[in-house]
Amino acid sequence: MVDSIKIDTSYDGQSSTSRPPVATHMRRLGMRLVWQQADAAGITDPVQPVEFLLRRLYPEMPEPWFAAIFGKARGPSRAGPVAGVRAAVG
């Protein structure tokens, strides 16, 4: 659980033409941080990275919601032993 959230107010003062590059940069930094955390967690299962991300993006969701998604993703498929995330959410 996050104890506090820091909001970057510097974004508010920028013009509409300068915001897209800043937003792109911020998104890339955020994704880099998440994947660094996933690497540090030692994830090896092909579904684990998505589970890692979804649990951080949606911590308020009930466990049955996660179980349904990851049960389908880890289930058998014609492509191999793991159906994958697209099969689970698609």
N, C-alpha and C. Protein backbone atom coordinates (compact mmCIF):
# COMPACT_ATOMS: atom_id res chain seq x y z
N MET A 1 0.85 -1.18 0.00
CA MET A 1 0.00 0.00 0.00
C MET A 1 0.89 1.24 0.00
N VAL A 2 0.54 2.21 -0.75
CA VAL A 2 1.28 3.46 -0.85
C VAL A 2 0.89 4.36 0.33
N ASP A 3 1.89 4.86 1.06
CA ASP A 3 1.61 5.73 2.19
C ASP A 3 1.23 7.14 1.75
N SER A 4 1.87 7.60 0.70
CA SER A 4 1.56 8.94 0.22
C SER A 4 1.80 9.00 -1.29
N ILE A 5 1.15 9.93 -1.91
CA ILE A 5 1.29 10.11 -3.35
C ILE A 5 1.84 11.50 -3.60
N LYS A 6 2.90 11.55 -4.37
CA LYS A 6 3.49 12.83 -4.72
C LYS A 6 2.99 13.24 -6.10
N ILE A 7 2.40 14.39 -6.18
CA ILE A 7 1.85 14.88 -7.45
C ILE A 7 2.79 15.94 -8.01
N ASP A 8 3.16 15.76 -9.26
CA ASP A 8 4.05 16.70 -9.94
C ASP A 8 3.22 17.85 -10.48
N THR A 9 3.26 18.98 -9.81
CA THR A 9 2.47 20.15 -10.23
C THR A 9 3.15 20.97 -11.31
N SER A 10 4.40 20.66 -11.63
CA SER A 10 5.09 21.42 -12.67
C SER A 10 4.43 21.22 -14.03
N TYR A 11 3.74 20.12 -14.19
CA TYR A 11 3.04 19.81 -15.44
C TYR A 11 1.91 20.80 -15.70
N ASP A 12 1.29 21.31 -14.64
CA ASP A 12 0.16 22.23 -14.77
C ASP A 12 0.53 23.54 -15.47
N GLY A 13 1.73 24.02 -15.27
CA GLY A 13 2.12 25.30 -15.83
C GLY A 13 2.58 25.26 -17.27
N GLN A 14 2.57 24.10 -17.89
CA GLN A 14 3.07 23.99 -19.25
C GLN A 14 1.98 24.22 -20.29
N SER A 15 2.42 24.67 -21.46
CA SER A 15 1.47 24.93 -22.54
C SER A 15 0.98 23.61 -23.13
N SER A 16 -0.10 23.67 -23.87
CA SER A 16 -0.67 22.46 -24.46
C SER A 16 0.26 21.84 -25.50
N THR A 17 1.14 22.63 -26.09
CA THR A 17 2.07 22.07 -27.08
C THR A 17 3.27 21.40 -26.42
N SER A 18 3.61 21.81 -25.20
CA SER A 18 4.76 21.20 -24.53
C SER A 18 4.37 20.01 -23.67
N ARG A 19 3.09 19.79 -23.44
CA ARG A 19 2.66 18.69 -22.57
C ARG A 19 2.86 17.29 -23.16
N PRO A 20 2.57 17.05 -24.44
CA PRO A 20 2.73 15.67 -24.95
C PRO A 20 4.14 15.10 -24.77
N PRO A 21 5.21 15.84 -25.09
CA PRO A 21 6.54 15.26 -24.88
C PRO A 21 6.83 14.98 -23.39
N VAL A 22 6.34 15.86 -22.52
CA VAL A 22 6.55 15.66 -21.09
C VAL A 22 5.79 14.43 -20.62
N ALA A 23 4.56 14.27 -21.07
CA ALA A 23 3.75 13.11 -20.70
C ALA A 23 4.40 11.82 -21.20
N THR A 24 4.92 11.84 -22.41
CA THR A 24 5.61 10.67 -22.97
C THR A 24 6.83 10.32 -22.14
N HIS A 25 7.59 11.32 -21.78
CA HIS A 25 8.78 11.11 -20.95
C HIS A 25 8.40 10.54 -19.58
N MET A 26 7.37 11.09 -18.96
CA MET A 26 6.93 10.62 -17.65
C MET A 26 6.44 9.17 -17.74
N ARG A 27 5.72 8.84 -18.80
CA ARG A 27 5.23 7.47 -18.98
C ARG A 27 6.40 6.51 -19.12
N ARG A 28 7.40 6.89 -19.92
CA ARG A 28 8.57 6.02 -20.09
C ARG A 28 9.31 5.81 -18.78
N LEU A 29 9.44 6.87 -17.99
CA LEU A 29 10.10 6.73 -16.68
C LEU A 29 9.31 5.79 -15.77
N GLY A 30 7.99 5.94 -15.79
CA GLY A 30 7.15 5.07 -14.98
C GLY A 30 7.25 3.62 -15.39
N MET A 31 7.22 3.36 -16.69
CA MET A 31 7.33 1.98 -17.17
C MET A 31 8.71 1.40 -16.86
N ARG A 32 9.74 2.21 -16.97
CA ARG A 32 11.08 1.74 -16.63
C ARG A 32 11.14 1.33 -15.16
N LEU A 33 10.55 2.15 -14.29
CA LEU A 33 10.54 1.84 -12.87
C LEU A 33 9.79 0.53 -12.59
N VAL A 34 8.64 0.35 -13.21
CA VAL A 34 7.85 -0.87 -12.99
C VAL A 34 8.63 -2.09 -13.47
N TRP A 35 9.25 -2.02 -14.64
CA TRP A 35 9.98 -3.18 -15.15
C TRP A 35 11.24 -3.44 -14.34
N GLN A 36 11.87 -2.40 -13.80
CA GLN A 36 13.02 -2.61 -12.91
C GLN A 36 12.57 -3.36 -11.66
N GLN A 37 11.39 -3.01 -11.14
CA GLN A 37 10.86 -3.71 -9.97
C GLN A 37 10.53 -5.16 -10.32
N ALA A 38 9.98 -5.38 -11.50
CA ALA A 38 9.67 -6.75 -11.93
C ALA A 38 10.94 -7.57 -12.06
N ASP A 39 12.00 -6.99 -12.63
CA ASP A 39 13.28 -7.68 -12.75
C ASP A 39 13.85 -8.01 -11.37
N ALA A 40 13.76 -7.05 -10.46
CA ALA A 40 14.27 -7.25 -9.10
C ALA A 40 13.50 -8.34 -8.36
N ALA A 41 12.23 -8.53 -8.71
CA ALA A 41 11.40 -9.56 -8.07
C ALA A 41 11.73 -10.95 -8.58
N GLY A 42 12.51 -11.06 -9.64
CA GLY A 42 12.93 -12.36 -10.16
C GLY A 42 11.81 -13.13 -10.86
N ILE A 43 11.01 -12.45 -11.62
CA ILE A 43 9.87 -13.07 -12.29
C ILE A 43 10.35 -13.97 -13.43
N THR A 44 9.84 -15.22 -13.47
CA THR A 44 10.24 -16.15 -14.51
C THR A 44 9.06 -16.71 -15.30
N ASP A 45 7.91 -16.82 -14.71
CA ASP A 45 6.69 -17.33 -15.36
C ASP A 45 6.21 -16.29 -16.38
N PRO A 46 5.78 -16.69 -17.59
CA PRO A 46 5.35 -15.71 -18.59
C PRO A 46 4.14 -14.87 -18.17
N VAL A 47 3.35 -15.35 -17.24
CA VAL A 47 2.18 -14.59 -16.78
C VAL A 47 2.55 -13.68 -15.61
N GLN A 48 3.63 -14.00 -14.90
CA GLN A 48 4.00 -13.24 -13.72
C GLN A 48 4.20 -11.74 -13.95
N PRO A 49 4.82 -11.30 -15.06
CA PRO A 49 4.98 -9.85 -15.23
C PRO A 49 3.63 -9.12 -15.26
N VAL A 50 2.64 -9.72 -15.91
CA VAL A 50 1.33 -9.09 -15.99
C VAL A 50 0.65 -9.12 -14.63
N GLU A 51 0.79 -10.23 -13.92
CA GLU A 51 0.23 -10.31 -12.57
C GLU A 51 0.86 -9.26 -11.67
N PHE A 52 2.17 -9.14 -11.76
CA PHE A 52 2.92 -8.15 -10.98
C PHE A 52 2.38 -6.74 -11.24
N LEU A 53 2.19 -6.42 -12.52
CA LEU A 53 1.72 -5.09 -12.89
C LEU A 53 0.27 -4.86 -12.47
N LEU A 54 -0.61 -5.82 -12.76
CA LEU A 54 -2.02 -5.63 -12.44
C LEU A 54 -2.26 -5.51 -10.94
N ARG A 55 -1.52 -6.25 -10.15
CA ARG A 55 -1.68 -6.15 -8.70
C ARG A 55 -1.24 -4.78 -8.18
N ARG A 56 -0.32 -4.15 -8.87
CA ARG A 56 0.11 -2.81 -8.46
C ARG A 56 -0.82 -1.72 -9.02
N LEU A 57 -1.34 -1.95 -10.21
CA LEU A 57 -2.25 -0.98 -10.81
C LEU A 57 -3.63 -1.01 -10.17
N TYR A 58 -4.08 -2.19 -9.74
CA TYR A 58 -5.43 -2.36 -9.20
C TYR A 58 -5.40 -3.05 -7.83
N PRO A 59 -4.73 -2.46 -6.85
CA PRO A 59 -4.64 -3.11 -5.54
C PRO A 59 -5.98 -3.27 -4.83
N GLU A 60 -6.97 -2.48 -5.24
CA GLU A 60 -8.28 -2.53 -4.58
C GLU A 60 -9.16 -3.66 -5.10
N MET A 61 -8.74 -4.33 -6.18
CA MET A 61 -9.58 -5.39 -6.74
C MET A 61 -9.56 -6.62 -5.84
N PRO A 62 -10.70 -7.32 -5.76
CA PRO A 62 -10.77 -8.51 -4.90
C PRO A 62 -9.97 -9.67 -5.49
N GLU A 63 -9.54 -10.56 -4.61
CA GLU A 63 -8.73 -11.71 -5.04
C GLU A 63 -9.44 -12.58 -6.09
N PRO A 64 -10.77 -12.79 -6.01
CA PRO A 64 -11.42 -13.59 -7.07
C PRO A 64 -11.26 -12.99 -8.47
N TRP A 65 -11.19 -11.67 -8.55
CA TRP A 65 -10.98 -11.01 -9.85
C TRP A 65 -9.63 -11.41 -10.42
N PHE A 66 -8.59 -11.35 -9.58
CA PHE A 66 -7.25 -11.75 -10.02
C PHE A 66 -7.22 -13.24 -10.36
N ALA A 67 -7.85 -14.05 -9.50
CA ALA A 67 -7.84 -15.50 -9.72
C ALA A 67 -8.48 -15.86 -11.06
N ALA A 68 -9.56 -15.18 -11.42
CA ALA A 68 -10.23 -15.46 -12.69
C ALA A 68 -9.32 -15.13 -13.87
N ILE A 69 -8.69 -13.98 -13.83
CA ILE A 69 -7.82 -13.56 -14.93
C ILE A 69 -6.61 -14.48 -15.05
N PHE A 70 -5.92 -14.72 -13.93
CA PHE A 70 -4.69 -15.48 -14.00
C PHE A 70 -4.93 -16.97 -14.15
N GLY A 71 -6.10 -17.44 -13.71
CA GLY A 71 -6.46 -18.84 -13.95
C GLY A 71 -6.61 -19.11 -15.44
N LYS A 72 -7.28 -18.19 -16.14
CA LYS A 72 -7.43 -18.33 -17.60
C LYS A 72 -6.08 -18.19 -18.29
N ALA A 73 -5.27 -17.24 -17.84
CA ALA A 73 -3.97 -16.99 -18.49
C ALA A 73 -3.03 -18.18 -18.32
N ARG A 74 -3.12 -18.86 -17.19
CA ARG A 74 -2.23 -20.00 -16.94
C ARG A 74 -2.82 -21.31 -17.44
N GLY A 75 -4.03 -21.27 -17.94
CA GLY A 75 -4.68 -22.49 -18.43
C GLY A 75 -4.09 -22.97 -19.73
N PRO A 76 -4.40 -24.21 -20.10
CA PRO A 76 -3.87 -24.75 -21.36
C PRO A 76 -4.48 -24.07 -22.58
N SER A 77 -3.72 -24.04 -23.65
CA SER A 77 -4.20 -23.49 -24.91
C SER A 77 -3.65 -24.33 -26.05
N ARG A 78 -4.14 -24.07 -27.24
CA ARG A 78 -3.64 -24.79 -28.40
C ARG A 78 -2.18 -24.44 -28.69
N ALA A 79 -1.75 -23.26 -28.26
CA ALA A 79 -0.38 -22.80 -28.54
C ALA A 79 0.64 -23.41 -27.59
N GLY A 80 0.21 -23.98 -26.48
CA GLY A 80 1.15 -24.54 -25.52
C GLY A 80 0.56 -24.61 -24.13
N PRO A 81 1.41 -24.81 -23.14
CA PRO A 81 0.93 -25.02 -21.78
C PRO A 81 0.33 -23.78 -21.11
N VAL A 82 0.64 -22.61 -21.60
CA VAL A 82 0.11 -21.38 -21.00
C VAL A 82 -0.71 -20.64 -22.05
N ALA A 83 -1.96 -20.34 -21.73
CA ALA A 83 -2.84 -19.65 -22.67
C ALA A 83 -2.36 -18.23 -22.93
N GLY A 84 -1.88 -17.57 -21.90
CA GLY A 84 -1.40 -16.20 -22.05
C GLY A 84 -2.43 -15.18 -21.64
N VAL A 85 -1.96 -13.98 -21.48
CA VAL A 85 -2.79 -12.88 -20.99
C VAL A 85 -3.84 -12.49 -22.01
N ARG A 86 -3.52 -12.49 -23.28
CA ARG A 86 -4.52 -12.11 -24.30
C ARG A 86 -5.73 -13.04 -24.24
N ALA A 87 -5.50 -14.32 -24.01
CA ALA A 87 -6.60 -15.26 -23.91
C ALA A 87 -7.43 -14.98 -22.67
N ALA A 88 -6.79 -14.51 -21.61
CA ALA A 88 -7.49 -14.29 -20.36
C ALA A 88 -8.35 -13.04 -20.38
N VAL A 89 -7.87 -12.00 -21.02
CA VAL A 89 -8.60 -10.72 -20.99
C VAL A 89 -9.27 -10.41 -22.31
N GLY A 90 -8.93 -11.13 -23.35
CA GLY A 90 -9.48 -10.84 -24.66
C GLY A 90 -10.77 -11.49 -24.86
